[in-house]
Structure formats: structure tokens, C-alpha cells
């Protein structure tokens, strides 16, 4: 996603998902909190128990 797409999704109340390139089984990659920058974001995920600096293109709308 681009910075603009992320900001628009947040405004609409959409849930975001981190597509971790090296996922850990059992983690919930739903984004709980986010600070958006141009190409990267700092996110809180896994029910607020984990934090990561991620590329914006690794984020998407949460799958249903």
C-alpha cells in the first residue's frame, strides 16, 4: 500500500494487516496501532504485544 492508501484506509476505519515476509506461527498480524511515514511505518500488532518497522508495501487490508 502507499502512504495515501494507508491513511485513507485508517480514515475509513478499515483494519490493516501486515504481510510479514517471515511470519511466526500463532502471531496475529492485525495492525493495532500505526505511525505512517513515506515508505515505512511503525506498527503494533499481535494484540499490542509486538512492534515492528515495516515497509508500507507489506501492509494490506485485513483479509476477511
C-alpha atoms as a PDB file:
ATOM      1  CA  UNK A   1       0.000   0.000   0.000  1.00  0.00           C
ATOM      2  CA  UNK A   2       1.072   3.584  -0.443  1.00  0.00           C
ATOM      3  CA  UNK A   3       1.114   6.127   2.371  1.00  0.00           C
ATOM      4  CA  UNK A   4      -2.003   7.731   0.880  1.00  0.00           C
ATOM      5  CA  UNK A   5      -3.835   4.373   0.690  1.00  0.00           C
ATOM      6  CA  UNK A   6      -2.935   3.559   4.295  1.00  0.00           C
ATOM      7  CA  UNK A   7      -4.120   6.947   5.541  1.00  0.00           C
ATOM      8  CA  UNK A   8      -7.366   6.596   3.574  1.00  0.00           C
ATOM      9  CA  UNK A   9      -7.995   3.102   4.982  1.00  0.00           C
ATOM     10  CA  UNK A  10      -7.398   4.367   8.525  1.00  0.00           C
ATOM     11  CA  UNK A  11      -9.845   7.236   7.982  1.00  0.00           C
ATOM     12  CA  UNK A  12     -12.481   4.744   6.817  1.00  0.00           C
ATOM     13  CA  UNK A  13     -11.903   2.576   9.882  1.00  0.00           C
ATOM     14  CA  UNK A  14     -10.562  -0.374   7.885  1.00  0.00           C
ATOM     15  CA  UNK A  15      -8.410  -2.979   9.601  1.00  0.00           C
ATOM     16  CA  UNK A  16      -4.868  -3.334   8.278  1.00  0.00           C
ATOM     17  CA  UNK A  17      -2.790  -6.487   8.065  1.00  0.00           C
ATOM     18  CA  UNK A  18       0.996  -6.895   7.973  1.00  0.00           C
ATOM     19  CA  UNK A  19       2.090  -9.455   5.412  1.00  0.00           C
ATOM     20  CA  UNK A  20       5.234 -10.414   7.337  1.00  0.00           C
ATOM     21  CA  UNK A  21       7.787 -11.844   4.884  1.00  0.00           C
ATOM     22  CA  UNK A  22       8.964 -14.213   7.658  1.00  0.00           C
ATOM     23  CA  UNK A  23       5.784 -14.952   9.656  1.00  0.00           C
ATOM     24  CA  UNK A  24       5.801 -16.648  13.038  1.00  0.00           C
ATOM     25  CA  UNK A  25       3.098 -19.270  13.508  1.00  0.00           C
ATOM     26  CA  UNK A  26       0.491 -18.129  16.031  1.00  0.00           C
ATOM     27  CA  UNK A  27       1.098 -14.373  15.676  1.00  0.00           C
ATOM     28  CA  UNK A  28      -1.868 -12.137  14.865  1.00  0.00           C
ATOM     29  CA  UNK A  29      -0.637  -9.711  12.200  1.00  0.00           C
ATOM     30  CA  UNK A  30      -3.633  -7.391  12.509  1.00  0.00           C
ATOM     31  CA  UNK A  31      -2.265  -3.853  12.912  1.00  0.00           C
ATOM     32  CA  UNK A  32      -3.360  -2.460  16.286  1.00  0.00           C
ATOM     33  CA  UNK A  33      -1.594   0.907  16.034  1.00  0.00           C
ATOM     34  CA  UNK A  34       0.387   2.607  13.288  1.00  0.00           C
ATOM     35  CA  UNK A  35       2.609   5.611  12.682  1.00  0.00           C
ATOM     36  CA  UNK A  36       2.839   6.146   8.907  1.00  0.00           C
ATOM     37  CA  UNK A  37       5.866   7.573   7.099  1.00  0.00           C
ATOM     38  CA  UNK A  38       6.595   7.881   3.377  1.00  0.00           C
ATOM     39  CA  UNK A  39       7.901   4.380   2.652  1.00  0.00           C
ATOM     40  CA  UNK A  40       7.809   2.726   6.051  1.00  0.00           C
ATOM     41  CA  UNK A  41       5.550   2.580   9.094  1.00  0.00           C
ATOM     42  CA  UNK A  42       5.960   1.625  12.719  1.00  0.00           C
ATOM     43  CA  UNK A  43       3.221  -0.774  13.740  1.00  0.00           C
ATOM     44  CA  UNK A  44       1.956  -2.502  16.835  1.00  0.00           C
ATOM     45  CA  UNK A  45       0.454  -5.945  16.179  1.00  0.00           C
ATOM     46  CA  UNK A  46      -0.223  -9.295  17.846  1.00  0.00           C
ATOM     47  CA  UNK A  47      -2.785  -7.727  20.206  1.00  0.00           C
ATOM     48  CA  UNK A  48      -0.331  -4.960  21.091  1.00  0.00           C
ATOM     49  CA  UNK A  49       2.364  -7.387  22.227  1.00  0.00           C
ATOM     50  CA  UNK A  50       4.745  -6.795  19.296  1.00  0.00           C
ATOM     51  CA  UNK A  51       6.120  -3.838  17.370  1.00  0.00           C
ATOM     52  CA  UNK A  52       7.892  -3.600  14.028  1.00  0.00           C
ATOM     53  CA  UNK A  53       9.150  -1.124  11.461  1.00  0.00           C
ATOM     54  CA  UNK A  54       7.716  -2.340   8.156  1.00  0.00           C
ATOM     55  CA  UNK A  55       7.664  -1.300   4.523  1.00  0.00           C
ATOM     56  CA  UNK A  56       4.299   0.173   3.553  1.00  0.00           C
ATOM     57  CA  UNK A  57       4.052  -2.252   0.623  1.00  0.00           C
ATOM     58  CA  UNK A  58       3.914  -5.105   3.183  1.00  0.00           C
ATOM     59  CA  UNK A  59       0.603  -3.752   4.540  1.00  0.00           C
ATOM     60  CA  UNK A  60      -2.817  -4.578   3.142  1.00  0.00           C
ATOM     61  CA  UNK A  61      -6.453  -4.553   4.152  1.00  0.00           C
ATOM     62  CA  UNK A  62      -7.096  -7.330   6.654  1.00  0.00           C
ATOM     63  CA  UNK A  63      -8.382 -10.493   4.948  1.00  0.00           C
ATOM     64  CA  UNK A  64     -11.907 -11.459   5.905  1.00  0.00           C
END
